[in-house]
Amino acid sequence: MAHAVFVRWKVLLRRLPVAGQFLAAVAGVFLVTYVGFALHVNLTTISFLYLLLVFGVAMLFGFWQASLASVLGVVCLDFFFTDPVFHFAITDRQNWVALAVFEGIAIAISRLSARENRSAREAAFHRAGMEQLYELSRNSLLMDLRQPPGLQLVVLLQRIFNAQAVALFDVVLGRQDRAGEWEEDEAHIARECYLEEVSRDEPQTETWRRILVAGAGPVGALVVRGKLSPLIVDALASLAAVAMGRHESFENEERAENASKSEQLRAAVMDALAHELKTPLTAVQTASSGLLELGALSTSQRDLVALIDGEATRMTKLCTRLLLTAKLDAGNMGLKKNEVNVQELVVTALANLRDEASKARVHAVTEDASLTAPVDRALLVMMLEQYVDNALKYSTPNTPIEVAVSRSRTEVLISVHNFGSTVRIEDRERVFERFYRTPELKDSVPGTGVGLSAVKKAAQAHHGHVWVISDEKEGTTFFLSLPTGTRRKI
């Protein structure tokens, strides 16, 4: 109980303004003087009481308040307790020595006590800072990562560290969040700090500016106004950068997960749609073929039925590609690999061309007629047909198209070359993405953007690769490489 009362009084006295602390020190000297004079204590006893008072003032308030108390104590010793009493005169030299020793001891005690008191306050300040940093780190882990981190961080910083004002700029989101009291000309203070790329301290205004760095470079800026140490502010900047990095990582993971779900849904829709279309298409193709076989049609009727039959065949092939792509996306495609003759597959793919004019434009070049590769026959035919069909659509009319087959020690390389529209450098990866079509040609050339993505998926299922090179003078060449199953000898 007594200890609690003492601590409470100690806290109250330390909260006094500086002028009040000096007045309290003076009042303490007068109180000790009055008690000592009333009780007629001797010089030794009153000197000891003054020393205790100086020590207490130094512990409570500081050096200068204790120094004032020591000087007043010497004056009171001389005036009230040293002969002749009530005069500022000392006749005995020993009393001069005693007073000098007293003042020296009092000043030394006050200095040491003030230094110890200051060290204790600094230690308590840093300990409180560590506790606040721990609380901030714990609360930052509980932040809602679905919301922008800036507003959550500035509110936490102001509340935990009792800051006057906090501002944070997030360059990734392009937004600044603020809390507390800022002047009108400080509306964009955190953004300006980021643009200046300079961290600096302003002790006069207690404003601390820090650049937030995460990974390879700066990700924002933090400005705090309040009674903080530079080390604490550095730690705040590091924790803020980590929290912003966690939010960015969470958003990337969420985007990837949503993209994956979207792809799965799209693959399922494609699979269902292709299945539903194949039945009526088969009926249409059967009916058109039957009409052609029956004969007794006029020339115009026969042309119309032939057109229906050809388009139904083309749509059936498209549905087959959609089904293959859906199975490849879902990972349900069981490859039926066999050692097949590549040249025979090229001939088969070219034989499936729709009209004689197209067949006349395409010719194959094979280095080795006996070249074989372990592949899924149906998938390789589909890939070749798609490459050739793509070359026919985007090439200049009546120009030749070349299908070349070669072999290295580890792979079979198939290329389809044509002259015509080129593929820009920025599109050479994207043309293999599903539903992507070159902006310049998507309105002038019919297509779905599915075929090349199916080729890429099928090549990956074989552990192969696809790519394209394109130049106005040399033309455009699409490549397909498939492993032969053999390894280089080292």
Protein backbone atom coordinates (compact mmCIF):
# COMPACT_ATOMS: atom_id res chain seq x y z
CA MET A 1 0.00 0.00 0.00
CA ALA A 2 2.72 2.45 0.99
CA HIS A 3 4.71 1.56 -2.09
CA ALA A 4 1.69 2.17 -4.34
CA VAL A 5 1.11 5.59 -2.78
CA PHE A 6 4.78 6.46 -3.21
CA VAL A 7 4.73 5.45 -6.87
CA ARG A 8 1.56 7.48 -7.47
CA TRP A 9 3.10 10.60 -5.89
CA LYS A 10 6.29 10.04 -7.85
CA VAL A 11 4.37 9.92 -11.14
CA LEU A 12 2.39 13.04 -10.23
CA LEU A 13 5.50 15.01 -9.32
CA ARG A 14 7.27 14.05 -12.56
CA ARG A 15 4.30 15.32 -14.56
CA LEU A 16 4.79 18.83 -13.15
CA PRO A 17 6.00 21.47 -15.63
CA VAL A 18 9.62 22.60 -15.32
CA ALA A 19 8.70 25.75 -13.36
CA GLY A 20 6.64 23.64 -10.98
CA GLN A 21 9.58 21.27 -10.46
CA PHE A 22 11.88 24.18 -9.48
CA LEU A 23 9.22 25.51 -7.09
CA ALA A 24 8.85 22.04 -5.57
CA ALA A 25 12.63 21.87 -5.00
CA VAL A 26 12.58 25.31 -3.28
CA ALA A 27 9.60 24.28 -1.17
CA GLY A 28 11.44 21.13 -0.10
CA VAL A 29 14.47 23.15 1.06
CA PHE A 30 12.28 25.53 3.08
CA LEU A 31 10.39 22.61 4.64
CA VAL A 32 13.61 20.87 5.76
CA THR A 33 14.92 24.20 7.08
CA TYR A 34 11.75 24.88 9.06
CA VAL A 35 11.68 21.38 10.59
CA GLY A 36 15.39 21.44 11.44
CA PHE A 37 15.23 24.90 12.95
CA ALA A 38 12.10 24.06 14.98
CA LEU A 39 13.67 20.87 16.33
CA HIS A 40 17.05 22.56 16.98
CA VAL A 41 18.99 19.82 15.14
CA ASN A 42 22.75 20.13 14.95
CA LEU A 43 24.77 21.04 11.85
CA THR A 44 25.68 17.42 11.02
CA THR A 45 22.09 16.22 11.12
CA ILE A 46 20.66 19.10 9.08
CA SER A 47 23.47 18.69 6.51
CA PHE A 48 22.52 15.04 6.11
CA LEU A 49 18.85 15.97 5.67
CA TYR A 50 19.77 18.48 2.98
CA LEU A 51 21.80 15.80 1.18
CA LEU A 52 18.81 13.46 1.24
CA LEU A 53 16.65 16.25 -0.17
CA VAL A 54 19.13 16.97 -2.99
CA PHE A 55 19.29 13.27 -3.79
CA GLY A 56 15.48 13.02 -3.94
CA VAL A 57 15.14 16.10 -6.15
CA ALA A 58 17.79 14.71 -8.51
CA MET A 59 15.99 11.37 -8.76
CA LEU A 60 12.60 12.97 -9.33
CA PHE A 61 13.35 15.97 -11.52
CA GLY A 62 16.96 16.19 -12.72
CA PHE A 63 20.33 17.85 -12.34
CA TRP A 64 19.42 21.55 -12.53
CA GLN A 65 16.58 21.28 -10.03
CA ALA A 66 18.92 19.38 -7.64
CA SER A 67 21.65 22.00 -8.14
CA LEU A 68 19.23 24.77 -7.14
CA ALA A 69 18.25 22.76 -4.05
CA SER A 70 21.93 22.28 -3.07
CA VAL A 71 22.73 26.01 -3.41
CA LEU A 72 19.67 26.96 -1.36
CA GLY A 73 20.65 24.30 1.21
CA VAL A 74 24.11 25.87 1.61
CA VAL A 75 22.53 29.32 2.02
CA CYS A 76 20.13 28.02 4.66
CA LEU A 77 22.93 26.17 6.49
CA ASP A 78 24.91 29.38 6.66
CA PHE A 79 21.99 31.56 7.71
CA PHE A 80 20.11 29.32 10.15
CA PHE A 81 22.54 26.71 11.46
CA THR A 82 26.10 28.13 11.32
CA ASP A 83 27.37 30.65 13.90
CA PRO A 84 26.65 33.49 13.92
CA VAL A 85 23.01 32.49 13.24
CA PHE A 86 20.84 34.78 11.08
CA HIS A 87 23.91 36.24 9.44
CA PHE A 88 25.66 35.39 6.19
CA ALA A 89 29.02 35.15 7.85
CA ILE A 90 31.12 32.20 8.95
CA THR A 91 33.83 32.76 11.57
CA ASP A 92 35.15 29.23 11.88
CA ARG A 93 37.25 27.96 8.98
CA GLN A 94 36.10 24.44 9.66
CA ASN A 95 32.56 25.53 8.88
CA TRP A 96 33.75 26.90 5.53
CA VAL A 97 35.31 23.55 4.75
CA ALA A 98 32.16 21.74 5.88
CA LEU A 99 29.93 23.92 3.67
CA ALA A 100 32.26 23.49 0.69
CA VAL A 101 32.32 19.74 1.15
CA PHE A 102 28.54 19.71 1.50
CA GLU A 103 28.06 21.66 -1.73
CA GLY A 104 30.52 19.46 -3.60
CA ILE A 105 28.88 16.27 -2.37
CA ALA A 106 25.42 17.65 -3.14
CA ILE A 107 26.35 18.60 -6.69
CA ALA A 108 28.09 15.24 -7.27
CA ILE A 109 25.10 13.34 -5.92
CA SER A 110 22.67 15.38 -7.97
CA ARG A 111 24.74 14.83 -11.12
CA LEU A 112 25.06 11.09 -10.61
CA SER A 113 21.40 10.75 -9.65
CA ALA A 114 20.28 12.80 -12.63
CA ARG A 115 22.43 10.69 -14.97
CA GLU A 116 21.04 7.48 -13.49
CA ASN A 117 17.54 8.87 -13.72
CA ARG A 118 18.06 9.84 -17.36
CA SER A 119 19.44 6.37 -18.16
CA ALA A 120 16.48 4.76 -16.45
CA ARG A 121 14.06 6.94 -18.43
CA GLU A 122 15.83 6.10 -21.70
CA ALA A 123 15.75 2.40 -20.85
CA ALA A 124 12.07 2.62 -20.02
CA PHE A 125 11.47 4.55 -23.25
CA HIS A 126 13.24 1.89 -25.33
CA ARG A 127 11.52 -0.92 -23.44
CA ALA A 128 8.15 0.69 -24.11
CA GLY A 129 9.17 1.06 -27.77
CA MET A 130 10.01 -2.64 -27.99
CA GLU A 131 6.69 -3.54 -26.44
CA GLN A 132 4.90 -1.28 -28.91
CA LEU A 133 6.82 -2.81 -31.82
CA TYR A 134 5.83 -6.26 -30.63
CA GLU A 135 2.19 -5.19 -30.45
CA LEU A 136 2.42 -3.69 -33.94
CA SER A 137 4.00 -6.82 -35.42
CA ARG A 138 1.33 -8.99 -33.80
CA ASN A 139 -1.50 -6.77 -35.05
CA SER A 140 0.01 -6.55 -38.55
CA LEU A 141 -0.22 -10.35 -38.79
CA LEU A 142 -3.95 -10.06 -38.07
CA MET A 143 -4.58 -7.47 -40.79
CA ASP A 144 -7.26 -8.16 -43.39
CA LEU A 145 -5.18 -8.92 -46.49
CA ARG A 146 -8.23 -8.45 -48.72
CA GLN A 147 -8.20 -4.73 -47.88
CA PRO A 148 -5.47 -2.18 -48.80
CA PRO A 149 -2.78 -2.25 -46.08
CA GLY A 150 -2.13 1.50 -45.94
CA LEU A 151 -5.20 2.61 -44.01
CA GLN A 152 -4.91 -0.29 -41.55
CA LEU A 153 -1.22 0.46 -40.90
CA VAL A 154 -1.60 4.21 -40.27
CA VAL A 155 -4.43 3.58 -37.78
CA LEU A 156 -2.33 0.95 -35.96
CA LEU A 157 0.76 3.19 -35.86
CA GLN A 158 -1.11 6.17 -34.49
CA ARG A 159 -2.94 4.15 -31.86
CA ILE A 160 -0.03 2.02 -30.62
CA PHE A 161 2.69 4.72 -30.65
CA ASN A 162 0.47 7.69 -29.72
CA ALA A 163 1.72 9.49 -32.80
CA GLN A 164 0.40 12.91 -33.64
CA ALA A 165 0.05 12.05 -37.32
CA VAL A 166 0.97 9.22 -39.72
CA ALA A 167 1.01 9.08 -43.53
CA LEU A 168 1.88 6.11 -45.76
CA PHE A 169 2.23 5.94 -49.56
CA ASP A 170 1.89 2.60 -51.36
CA VAL A 171 3.41 2.76 -54.85
CA VAL A 172 1.96 -0.62 -55.89
CA LEU A 173 -1.62 0.51 -55.24
CA GLY A 174 -0.84 4.15 -56.07
CA ARG A 175 -2.58 5.49 -52.95
CA GLN A 176 -1.71 7.50 -49.85
CA ASP A 177 -3.39 6.94 -46.49
CA ARG A 178 -3.22 9.38 -43.56
CA ALA A 179 -4.26 9.51 -39.92
CA GLY A 180 -3.99 12.33 -37.41
CA GLU A 181 -3.58 16.07 -37.86
CA TRP A 182 -1.73 17.30 -40.94
CA GLU A 183 -1.45 20.81 -42.34
CA GLU A 184 -3.06 21.72 -45.67
CA ASP A 185 0.32 21.92 -47.42
CA GLU A 186 1.13 18.39 -46.19
CA ALA A 187 -1.69 16.68 -48.06
CA HIS A 188 0.76 14.60 -50.15
CA ILE A 189 3.67 14.44 -47.72
CA ALA A 190 4.24 10.66 -48.00
CA ARG A 191 4.02 10.70 -51.80
CA GLU A 192 6.53 13.57 -51.94
CA CYS A 193 8.87 11.67 -49.62
CA TYR A 194 8.76 8.68 -52.00
CA LEU A 195 9.43 10.87 -55.04
CA GLU A 196 12.39 12.52 -53.27
CA GLU A 197 13.75 9.04 -52.39
CA VAL A 198 15.35 10.47 -49.23
CA SER A 199 14.86 9.33 -45.62
CA ARG A 200 15.49 12.11 -43.11
CA ASP A 201 14.76 13.19 -39.54
CA GLU A 202 13.39 16.54 -38.35
CA PRO A 203 13.80 16.53 -34.51
CA GLN A 204 12.58 20.13 -34.22
CA THR A 205 9.13 19.20 -35.56
CA GLU A 206 9.41 15.55 -34.45
CA THR A 207 8.77 14.45 -38.04
CA TRP A 208 10.40 11.26 -39.31
CA ARG A 209 10.49 10.31 -42.99
CA ARG A 210 11.42 6.85 -44.24
CA ILE A 211 11.53 5.17 -47.66
CA LEU A 212 9.95 1.70 -47.52
CA VAL A 213 12.08 -0.93 -49.23
CA ALA A 214 11.07 -4.52 -49.98
CA GLY A 215 12.82 -6.91 -52.33
CA ALA A 216 14.61 -5.17 -55.18
CA GLY A 217 13.52 -1.58 -54.61
CA PRO A 218 11.32 0.99 -52.84
CA VAL A 219 7.63 0.17 -52.46
CA GLY A 220 6.47 3.34 -50.73
CA ALA A 221 7.16 5.90 -48.01
CA LEU A 222 6.24 6.41 -44.35
CA VAL A 223 6.05 9.77 -42.52
CA VAL A 224 5.43 9.82 -38.75
CA ARG A 225 5.07 12.83 -36.46
CA GLY A 226 5.46 12.18 -32.75
CA LYS A 227 7.88 11.49 -29.91
CA LEU A 228 9.82 8.57 -31.33
CA SER A 229 13.46 7.57 -31.64
CA PRO A 230 15.11 7.08 -35.07
CA LEU A 231 15.68 3.40 -34.29
CA ILE A 232 11.99 2.88 -33.55
CA VAL A 233 11.03 4.67 -36.77
CA ASP A 234 13.43 2.44 -38.75
CA ALA A 235 11.76 -0.61 -37.25
CA LEU A 236 8.31 0.82 -38.09
CA ALA A 237 9.37 1.28 -41.71
CA SER A 238 10.60 -2.32 -41.91
CA LEU A 239 7.37 -3.71 -40.42
CA ALA A 240 5.26 -1.56 -42.76
CA ALA A 241 7.23 -2.79 -45.80
CA VAL A 242 6.79 -6.41 -44.68
CA ALA A 243 3.03 -5.92 -44.23
CA MET A 244 2.74 -4.37 -47.70
CA GLY A 245 4.74 -7.26 -49.16
CA ARG A 246 2.41 -9.78 -47.49
CA HIS A 247 -0.60 -8.00 -49.01
CA GLU A 248 0.95 -8.04 -52.49
CA SER A 249 1.83 -11.75 -52.20
CA PHE A 250 -1.70 -12.53 -51.06
CA GLU A 251 -3.17 -10.66 -54.03
CA ASN A 252 -0.87 -12.51 -56.45
CA GLU A 253 -1.87 -15.86 -54.97
CA GLU A 254 -5.54 -14.92 -55.11
CA ARG A 255 -5.25 -13.84 -58.76
CA ALA A 256 -3.47 -17.09 -59.63
CA GLU A 257 -6.13 -19.13 -57.84
CA ASN A 258 -8.95 -17.25 -59.56
CA ALA A 259 -7.25 -17.69 -62.92
CA SER A 260 -6.88 -21.40 -62.26
CA LYS A 261 -10.55 -21.72 -61.34
CA SER A 262 -11.52 -19.73 -64.41
CA GLU A 263 -9.45 -22.02 -66.62
CA GLN A 264 -11.03 -25.10 -65.05
CA LEU A 265 -14.50 -23.69 -65.58
CA ARG A 266 -13.72 -22.73 -69.17
CA ALA A 267 -12.31 -26.19 -69.89
CA ALA A 268 -15.44 -27.80 -68.45
CA VAL A 269 -17.70 -25.57 -70.56
CA MET A 270 -15.65 -26.30 -73.68
CA ASP A 271 -15.82 -30.03 -73.02
CA ALA A 272 -19.61 -29.98 -72.47
CA LEU A 273 -20.20 -27.73 -75.48
CA ALA A 274 -18.09 -29.87 -77.80
CA HIS A 275 -19.90 -33.03 -76.66
CA GLU A 276 -23.29 -31.42 -77.21
CA LEU A 277 -22.35 -30.18 -80.69
CA LYS A 278 -20.87 -33.41 -81.97
CA THR A 279 -24.21 -35.29 -82.03
CA PRO A 280 -26.14 -32.82 -84.26
CA LEU A 281 -23.08 -32.26 -86.41
CA THR A 282 -22.77 -35.98 -87.02
CA ALA A 283 -26.44 -36.08 -88.05
CA VAL A 284 -25.98 -33.08 -90.40
CA GLN A 285 -22.87 -34.61 -91.96
CA THR A 286 -24.59 -37.99 -92.41
CA ALA A 287 -27.60 -36.36 -94.03
CA SER A 288 -25.51 -34.21 -96.39
CA SER A 289 -23.35 -37.16 -97.40
CA GLY A 290 -26.52 -39.23 -98.01
CA LEU A 291 -27.96 -36.52 -100.26
CA LEU A 292 -24.77 -36.42 -102.27
CA GLU A 293 -24.85 -40.20 -102.66
CA LEU A 294 -28.50 -40.25 -103.75
CA GLY A 295 -27.84 -37.89 -106.61
CA ALA A 296 -30.75 -36.47 -108.65
CA LEU A 297 -29.71 -32.99 -107.50
CA SER A 298 -29.32 -29.93 -109.62
CA THR A 299 -25.94 -28.30 -109.88
CA SER A 300 -26.82 -25.51 -107.45
CA GLN A 301 -28.40 -27.98 -105.01
CA ARG A 302 -25.35 -30.20 -105.17
CA ASP A 303 -23.08 -27.20 -104.48
CA LEU A 304 -25.15 -26.22 -101.46
CA VAL A 305 -25.14 -29.75 -100.06
CA ALA A 306 -21.37 -29.99 -100.62
CA LEU A 307 -20.94 -26.70 -98.76
CA ILE A 308 -23.02 -28.02 -95.84
CA ASP A 309 -21.02 -31.25 -95.80
CA GLY A 310 -17.68 -29.42 -95.84
CA GLU A 311 -18.60 -26.99 -93.08
CA ALA A 312 -20.04 -29.78 -90.94
CA THR A 313 -16.76 -31.67 -91.36
CA ARG A 314 -14.82 -28.56 -90.36
CA MET A 315 -16.99 -28.01 -87.27
CA THR A 316 -16.57 -31.65 -86.29
CA LYS A 317 -12.79 -31.23 -86.42
CA LEU A 318 -13.09 -28.05 -84.31
CA CYS A 319 -15.14 -29.91 -81.69
CA THR A 320 -12.55 -32.67 -81.64
CA ARG A 321 -9.84 -30.10 -80.97
CA LEU A 322 -11.94 -28.53 -78.21
CA LEU A 323 -12.36 -31.92 -76.57
CA LEU A 324 -8.66 -32.68 -76.81
CA THR A 325 -7.78 -29.26 -75.35
CA ALA A 326 -10.23 -29.72 -72.46
CA LYS A 327 -8.74 -33.10 -71.64
CA LEU A 328 -5.20 -31.73 -71.83
CA ASP A 329 -6.12 -28.82 -69.51
CA ALA A 330 -7.68 -31.18 -66.99
CA GLY A 331 -4.73 -33.56 -67.15
CA ASN A 332 -7.05 -36.42 -68.12
CA MET A 333 -5.44 -37.05 -71.50
CA GLY A 334 -3.84 -40.46 -71.50
CA LEU A 335 -1.24 -40.36 -74.29
CA LYS A 336 -1.19 -43.41 -76.54
CA LYS A 337 2.42 -43.24 -77.58
CA ASN A 338 3.69 -45.44 -80.36
CA GLU A 339 6.76 -45.35 -82.57
CA VAL A 340 5.24 -43.84 -85.71
CA ASN A 341 6.69 -42.71 -89.03
CA VAL A 342 6.69 -38.91 -89.07
CA GLN A 343 6.61 -38.58 -92.85
CA GLU A 344 3.48 -40.74 -93.05
CA LEU A 345 1.79 -38.56 -90.46
CA VAL A 346 2.65 -35.43 -92.45
CA VAL A 347 1.12 -36.98 -95.56
CA THR A 348 -2.01 -37.91 -93.61
CA ALA A 349 -2.39 -34.38 -92.26
CA LEU A 350 -1.99 -32.81 -95.69
CA ALA A 351 -4.48 -35.27 -97.21
CA ASN A 352 -7.13 -33.92 -94.82
CA LEU A 353 -7.01 -30.45 -96.40
CA ARG A 354 -10.39 -29.24 -97.58
CA ASP A 355 -9.74 -28.31 -101.20
CA GLU A 356 -7.32 -29.09 -103.99
CA ALA A 357 -6.06 -25.50 -104.19
CA SER A 358 -4.83 -25.68 -100.62
CA LYS A 359 -3.21 -29.07 -101.21
CA ALA A 360 -1.36 -27.66 -104.22
CA ARG A 361 0.20 -24.87 -102.15
CA VAL A 362 1.59 -27.12 -99.42
CA HIS A 363 4.58 -29.39 -99.91
CA ALA A 364 6.61 -31.40 -97.42
CA VAL A 365 10.36 -31.75 -97.06
CA THR A 366 11.71 -34.63 -94.96
CA GLU A 367 15.40 -35.35 -94.43
CA ASP A 368 14.83 -39.01 -93.60
CA ALA A 369 11.79 -40.92 -94.91
CA SER A 370 12.27 -43.56 -92.21
CA LEU A 371 12.29 -41.05 -89.34
CA THR A 372 10.15 -42.20 -86.41
CA ALA A 373 9.21 -40.73 -83.03
CA PRO A 374 7.36 -41.98 -79.93
CA VAL A 375 4.18 -39.84 -80.11
CA ASP A 376 0.42 -40.00 -79.83
CA ARG A 377 -0.61 -40.36 -83.46
CA ALA A 378 -3.96 -38.52 -83.21
CA LEU A 379 -2.43 -35.59 -81.32
CA LEU A 380 0.45 -35.16 -83.75
CA VAL A 381 -1.93 -35.19 -86.73
CA MET A 382 -4.04 -32.56 -84.95
CA MET A 383 -0.97 -30.38 -84.32
CA LEU A 384 0.17 -30.62 -87.94
CA GLU A 385 -3.31 -29.85 -89.27
CA GLN A 386 -3.56 -26.79 -87.02
CA TYR A 387 -0.16 -25.44 -88.09
CA VAL A 388 -0.99 -25.91 -91.78
CA ASP A 389 -4.49 -24.47 -91.40
CA ASN A 390 -3.03 -21.46 -89.59
CA ALA A 391 -0.48 -20.95 -92.41
CA LEU A 392 -3.23 -21.12 -95.07
CA LYS A 393 -5.35 -18.50 -93.31
CA TYR A 394 -2.60 -15.94 -92.66
CA SER A 395 -0.38 -16.36 -95.74
CA THR A 396 -0.49 -14.38 -98.96
CA PRO A 397 -2.78 -16.14 -101.49
CA ASN A 398 -1.08 -18.53 -103.95
CA THR A 399 2.26 -18.41 -102.08
CA PRO A 400 3.91 -21.74 -101.18
CA ILE A 401 3.77 -23.28 -97.73
CA GLU A 402 6.53 -25.63 -96.64
CA VAL A 403 6.34 -28.34 -94.00
CA ALA A 404 9.85 -29.47 -93.01
CA VAL A 405 10.85 -32.40 -90.79
CA SER A 406 14.36 -32.89 -89.40
CA ARG A 407 16.00 -34.69 -86.53
CA SER A 408 18.77 -34.03 -84.03
CA ARG A 409 20.23 -36.49 -81.55
CA THR A 410 17.51 -35.78 -78.99
CA GLU A 411 14.44 -34.40 -80.78
CA VAL A 412 12.32 -34.31 -83.91
CA LEU A 413 11.81 -30.79 -85.29
CA ILE A 414 8.78 -29.97 -87.43
CA SER A 415 8.34 -26.52 -88.98
CA VAL A 416 5.64 -24.88 -91.11
CA HIS A 417 6.78 -21.85 -93.12
CA ASN A 418 4.70 -19.32 -95.05
CA PHE A 419 4.86 -15.80 -96.49
CA GLY A 420 2.28 -13.23 -95.47
CA SER A 421 1.30 -11.36 -92.33
CA THR A 422 3.99 -11.34 -89.64
CA VAL A 423 3.73 -11.95 -85.90
CA ARG A 424 4.96 -9.07 -83.74
CA ILE A 425 7.64 -9.79 -81.14
CA GLU A 426 5.28 -8.96 -78.26
CA ASP A 427 2.70 -11.44 -79.65
CA ARG A 428 4.99 -14.43 -80.25
CA GLU A 429 4.28 -15.90 -76.84
CA ARG A 430 0.68 -14.78 -76.60
CA VAL A 431 -0.49 -16.36 -79.89
CA PHE A 432 -0.25 -19.70 -78.08
CA GLU A 433 -2.63 -18.50 -75.34
CA ARG A 434 -6.23 -19.63 -75.56
CA PHE A 435 -8.63 -17.21 -77.30
CA TYR A 436 -5.87 -14.68 -78.01
CA ARG A 437 -5.77 -13.28 -81.51
CA THR A 438 -3.51 -10.64 -83.04
CA PRO A 439 -5.35 -7.28 -82.77
CA GLU A 440 -4.54 -6.27 -86.38
CA LEU A 441 -6.01 -9.43 -87.93
CA LYS A 442 -8.71 -10.71 -85.57
CA ASP A 443 -11.45 -8.85 -87.48
CA SER A 444 -10.24 -9.67 -90.99
CA VAL A 445 -9.34 -13.35 -90.62
CA PRO A 446 -11.88 -15.84 -89.18
CA GLY A 447 -10.84 -17.93 -86.20
CA THR A 448 -11.44 -18.78 -82.54
CA GLY A 449 -7.96 -18.50 -81.00
CA VAL A 450 -8.19 -22.11 -79.78
CA GLY A 451 -6.05 -24.02 -82.26
CA LEU A 452 -2.55 -22.85 -81.34
CA SER A 453 -3.27 -23.21 -77.64
CA ALA A 454 -4.26 -26.82 -78.31
CA VAL A 455 -0.96 -27.35 -80.16
CA LYS A 456 0.98 -25.97 -77.19
CA LYS A 457 -0.90 -28.16 -74.69
CA ALA A 458 -0.34 -31.26 -76.83
CA ALA A 459 3.36 -30.46 -77.21
CA GLN A 460 3.73 -30.02 -73.45
CA ALA A 461 1.99 -33.36 -72.90
CA HIS A 462 4.80 -34.87 -75.03
CA HIS A 463 7.41 -32.82 -73.07
CA GLY A 464 8.00 -30.82 -76.25
CA HIS A 465 8.03 -27.11 -77.15
CA VAL A 466 6.42 -24.71 -79.63
CA TRP A 467 7.59 -21.29 -80.83
CA VAL A 468 7.42 -18.93 -83.79
CA ILE A 469 9.81 -16.65 -85.64
CA SER A 470 8.56 -14.01 -88.05
CA ASP A 471 10.11 -11.50 -90.44
CA GLU A 472 8.74 -9.55 -93.38
CA LYS A 473 11.52 -10.74 -95.70
CA GLU A 474 11.99 -14.30 -94.45
CA GLY A 475 8.33 -14.99 -93.68
CA THR A 476 6.77 -16.72 -90.66
CA THR A 477 7.75 -20.15 -89.33
CA PHE A 478 6.02 -22.09 -86.57
CA PHE A 479 8.13 -24.79 -84.91
CA LEU A 480 7.27 -27.95 -82.99
CA SER A 481 9.96 -29.99 -81.23
CA LEU A 482 9.28 -33.42 -79.76
CA PRO A 483 11.76 -35.57 -77.80
CA THR A 484 12.86 -38.82 -79.44
CA GLY A 485 13.35 -40.61 -76.11
CA THR A 486 17.12 -40.89 -76.53
CA ARG A 487 19.76 -38.87 -74.67
CA ARG A 488 23.04 -37.45 -75.75
CA LYS A 489 26.05 -39.48 -74.78
CA ILE A 490 28.43 -37.55 -72.57
